[in-house]
Amino acid sequence: MTCTLAVACENDSVCPDFGNSPEFAVFEILENRINGLRKVSAASGNDAHIALLRELNAKVLLCGTLDASARSALEAAGIQAAEGQTGDVIQVTGAYLMKLVRAGK
């Protein structure tokens, strides 16, 4: 099964604030492994970001912080947010996938 996972980022690091993220690293995940990666530029603001994530068909978002309205909008869009992420985009994504494997998902 494939899944699209997005990371709110700035260059190669997780952006501390979702609403100010200038780009997303978009991963294609196949059987809990990274199968593809591309960077997508993003307009500023929560609404623009959430619209882009919907367009990309993202199911999971890894990010720094979210405000309550962004959290609610992501939930309504069916996008699972994993907040509090910091560091290198690929390392954060790998750690997230390892947690899924360990949890048997």
C-alpha atoms as a PDB file:
ATOM      1  CA  MET A   1       0.000   0.000   0.000  1.00  0.00           C
ATOM      2  CA  THR A   2       1.319   3.464  -0.877  1.00  0.00           C
ATOM      3  CA  CYS A   3       0.862   6.586   1.191  1.00  0.00           C
ATOM      4  CA  THR A   4       1.893  10.196   0.707  1.00  0.00           C
ATOM      5  CA  LEU A   5       3.672  11.748   3.680  1.00  0.00           C
ATOM      6  CA  ALA A   6       4.585  15.449   3.748  1.00  0.00           C
ATOM      7  CA  VAL A   7       7.087  17.262   5.943  1.00  0.00           C
ATOM      8  CA  ALA A   8       6.788  21.015   6.472  1.00  0.00           C
ATOM      9  CA  CYS A   9      10.347  22.139   5.853  1.00  0.00           C
ATOM     10  CA  GLU A  10      12.828  24.871   5.172  1.00  0.00           C
ATOM     11  CA  ASN A  11      15.754  23.572   3.130  1.00  0.00           C
ATOM     12  CA  ASP A  12      16.534  20.149   4.620  1.00  0.00           C
ATOM     13  CA  SER A  13      15.164  20.763   8.132  1.00  0.00           C
ATOM     14  CA  VAL A  14      11.682  20.586   9.615  1.00  0.00           C
ATOM     15  CA  CYS A  15      10.274  24.122   9.744  1.00  0.00           C
ATOM     16  CA  PRO A  16       9.463  25.094  13.350  1.00  0.00           C
ATOM     17  CA  ASP A  17       6.104  26.673  12.376  1.00  0.00           C
ATOM     18  CA  PHE A  18       3.742  24.945   9.938  1.00  0.00           C
ATOM     19  CA  GLY A  19       2.137  28.202   8.745  1.00  0.00           C
ATOM     20  CA  ASN A  20       5.498  29.715   7.802  1.00  0.00           C
ATOM     21  CA  SER A  21       6.905  26.691   5.999  1.00  0.00           C
ATOM     22  CA  PRO A  22       8.229  27.725   2.561  1.00  0.00           C
ATOM     23  CA  GLU A  23       8.137  24.179   1.179  1.00  0.00           C
ATOM     24  CA  PHE A  24       7.195  20.574   1.776  1.00  0.00           C
ATOM     25  CA  ALA A  25       9.247  17.449   1.345  1.00  0.00           C
ATOM     26  CA  VAL A  26       6.764  14.986  -0.131  1.00  0.00           C
ATOM     27  CA  PHE A  27       7.533  11.312   0.343  1.00  0.00           C
ATOM     28  CA  GLU A  28       5.911   8.380  -1.392  1.00  0.00           C
ATOM     29  CA  ILE A  29       5.818   5.594   1.173  1.00  0.00           C
ATOM     30  CA  LEU A  30       5.490   1.981   0.049  1.00  0.00           C
ATOM     31  CA  GLU A  31       5.309  -0.770   2.677  1.00  0.00           C
ATOM     32  CA  ASN A  32       6.728   1.576   5.363  1.00  0.00           C
ATOM     33  CA  ARG A  33       9.729   2.478   3.185  1.00  0.00           C
ATOM     34  CA  ILE A  34      10.595   5.670   1.342  1.00  0.00           C
ATOM     35  CA  ASN A  35       9.922   5.004  -2.339  1.00  0.00           C
ATOM     36  CA  GLY A  36      10.227   8.561  -3.656  1.00  0.00           C
ATOM     37  CA  LEU A  37      10.895  12.145  -2.578  1.00  0.00           C
ATOM     38  CA  ARG A  38      10.265  15.544  -4.105  1.00  0.00           C
ATOM     39  CA  LYS A  39      10.220  19.112  -2.805  1.00  0.00           C
ATOM     40  CA  VAL A  40       7.201  21.330  -3.415  1.00  0.00           C
ATOM     41  CA  SER A  41       7.213  25.108  -2.864  1.00  0.00           C
ATOM     42  CA  ALA A  42       4.335  26.461  -0.805  1.00  0.00           C
ATOM     43  CA  ALA A  43       2.522  29.775  -0.484  1.00  0.00           C
ATOM     44  CA  SER A  44       2.462  31.169   3.045  1.00  0.00           C
ATOM     45  CA  GLY A  45      -0.336  30.508   5.519  1.00  0.00           C
ATOM     46  CA  ASN A  46      -2.288  27.639   7.002  1.00  0.00           C
ATOM     47  CA  ASP A  47      -5.107  27.674   4.436  1.00  0.00           C
ATOM     48  CA  ALA A  48      -2.719  27.602   1.468  1.00  0.00           C
ATOM     49  CA  HIS A  49      -0.681  24.832   3.067  1.00  0.00           C
ATOM     50  CA  ILE A  50      -3.703  22.662   3.801  1.00  0.00           C
ATOM     51  CA  ALA A  51      -5.058  23.156   0.262  1.00  0.00           C
ATOM     52  CA  LEU A  52      -1.677  22.085  -1.131  1.00  0.00           C
ATOM     53  CA  LEU A  53      -1.556  19.014   1.122  1.00  0.00           C
ATOM     54  CA  ARG A  54      -5.023  18.013  -0.098  1.00  0.00           C
ATOM     55  CA  GLU A  55      -3.921  18.494  -3.705  1.00  0.00           C
ATOM     56  CA  LEU A  56      -0.880  16.292  -3.037  1.00  0.00           C
ATOM     57  CA  ASN A  57      -3.173  13.676  -1.440  1.00  0.00           C
ATOM     58  CA  ALA A  58      -1.049  13.697   1.723  1.00  0.00           C
ATOM     59  CA  LYS A  59      -2.302  11.396   4.471  1.00  0.00           C
ATOM     60  CA  VAL A  60       0.367  12.257   7.056  1.00  0.00           C
ATOM     61  CA  LEU A  61       2.046  15.561   7.943  1.00  0.00           C
ATOM     62  CA  LEU A  62       5.216  15.804  10.009  1.00  0.00           C
ATOM     63  CA  CYS A  63       5.735  19.318  11.340  1.00  0.00           C
ATOM     64  CA  GLY A  64       7.001  21.547  14.120  1.00  0.00           C
ATOM     65  CA  THR A  65       4.094  23.427  15.689  1.00  0.00           C
ATOM     66  CA  LEU A  66       0.469  23.837  14.642  1.00  0.00           C
ATOM     67  CA  ASP A  67      -2.125  26.265  15.918  1.00  0.00           C
ATOM     68  CA  ALA A  68      -5.578  24.998  16.887  1.00  0.00           C
ATOM     69  CA  SER A  69      -7.269  26.108  13.656  1.00  0.00           C
ATOM     70  CA  ALA A  70      -4.667  24.361  11.482  1.00  0.00           C
ATOM     71  CA  ARG A  71      -4.956  21.207  13.581  1.00  0.00           C
ATOM     72  CA  SER A  72      -8.753  21.198  13.143  1.00  0.00           C
ATOM     73  CA  ALA A  73      -8.534  21.870   9.397  1.00  0.00           C
ATOM     74  CA  LEU A  74      -6.010  19.064   8.901  1.00  0.00           C
ATOM     75  CA  GLU A  75      -8.212  16.681  10.860  1.00  0.00           C
ATOM     76  CA  ALA A  76     -11.242  17.685   8.756  1.00  0.00           C
ATOM     77  CA  ALA A  77      -9.179  17.035   5.603  1.00  0.00           C
ATOM     78  CA  GLY A  78      -8.287  13.540   6.838  1.00  0.00           C
ATOM     79  CA  ILE A  79      -4.600  14.377   7.285  1.00  0.00           C
ATOM     80  CA  GLN A  80      -2.909  12.926  10.358  1.00  0.00           C
ATOM     81  CA  ALA A  81      -0.479  15.439  11.900  1.00  0.00           C
ATOM     82  CA  ALA A  82       2.566  14.421  13.933  1.00  0.00           C
ATOM     83  CA  GLU A  83       3.629  17.641  15.664  1.00  0.00           C
ATOM     84  CA  GLY A  84       6.776  18.470  17.572  1.00  0.00           C
ATOM     85  CA  GLN A  85       9.204  17.246  14.935  1.00  0.00           C
ATOM     86  CA  THR A  86      12.663  18.829  14.679  1.00  0.00           C
ATOM     87  CA  GLY A  87      15.817  18.183  12.706  1.00  0.00           C
ATOM     88  CA  ASP A  88      16.729  16.739   9.333  1.00  0.00           C
ATOM     89  CA  VAL A  89      13.740  15.906   7.114  1.00  0.00           C
ATOM     90  CA  ILE A  90      14.965  12.454   6.060  1.00  0.00           C
ATOM     91  CA  GLN A  91      15.989  11.450   9.591  1.00  0.00           C
ATOM     92  CA  VAL A  92      12.642  12.603  11.021  1.00  0.00           C
ATOM     93  CA  THR A  93      10.751  10.688   8.325  1.00  0.00           C
ATOM     94  CA  GLY A  94      12.841   7.552   8.895  1.00  0.00           C
ATOM     95  CA  ALA A  95      12.225   7.727  12.649  1.00  0.00           C
ATOM     96  CA  TYR A  96       8.476   8.128  12.069  1.00  0.00           C
ATOM     97  CA  LEU A  97       8.418   5.088   9.772  1.00  0.00           C
ATOM     98  CA  MET A  98      10.404   3.009  12.287  1.00  0.00           C
ATOM     99  CA  LYS A  99       7.780   3.788  14.953  1.00  0.00           C
ATOM    100  CA  LEU A 100       5.075   2.495  12.589  1.00  0.00           C
ATOM    101  CA  VAL A 101       7.023  -0.702  11.945  1.00  0.00           C
ATOM    102  CA  ARG A 102       7.568  -1.266  15.668  1.00  0.00           C
ATOM    103  CA  ALA A 103       3.866  -0.652  16.319  1.00  0.00           C
ATOM    104  CA  GLY A 104       2.971  -3.239  13.675  1.00  0.00           C
ATOM    105  CA  LYS A 105       1.208  -0.766  11.368  1.00  0.00           C
END
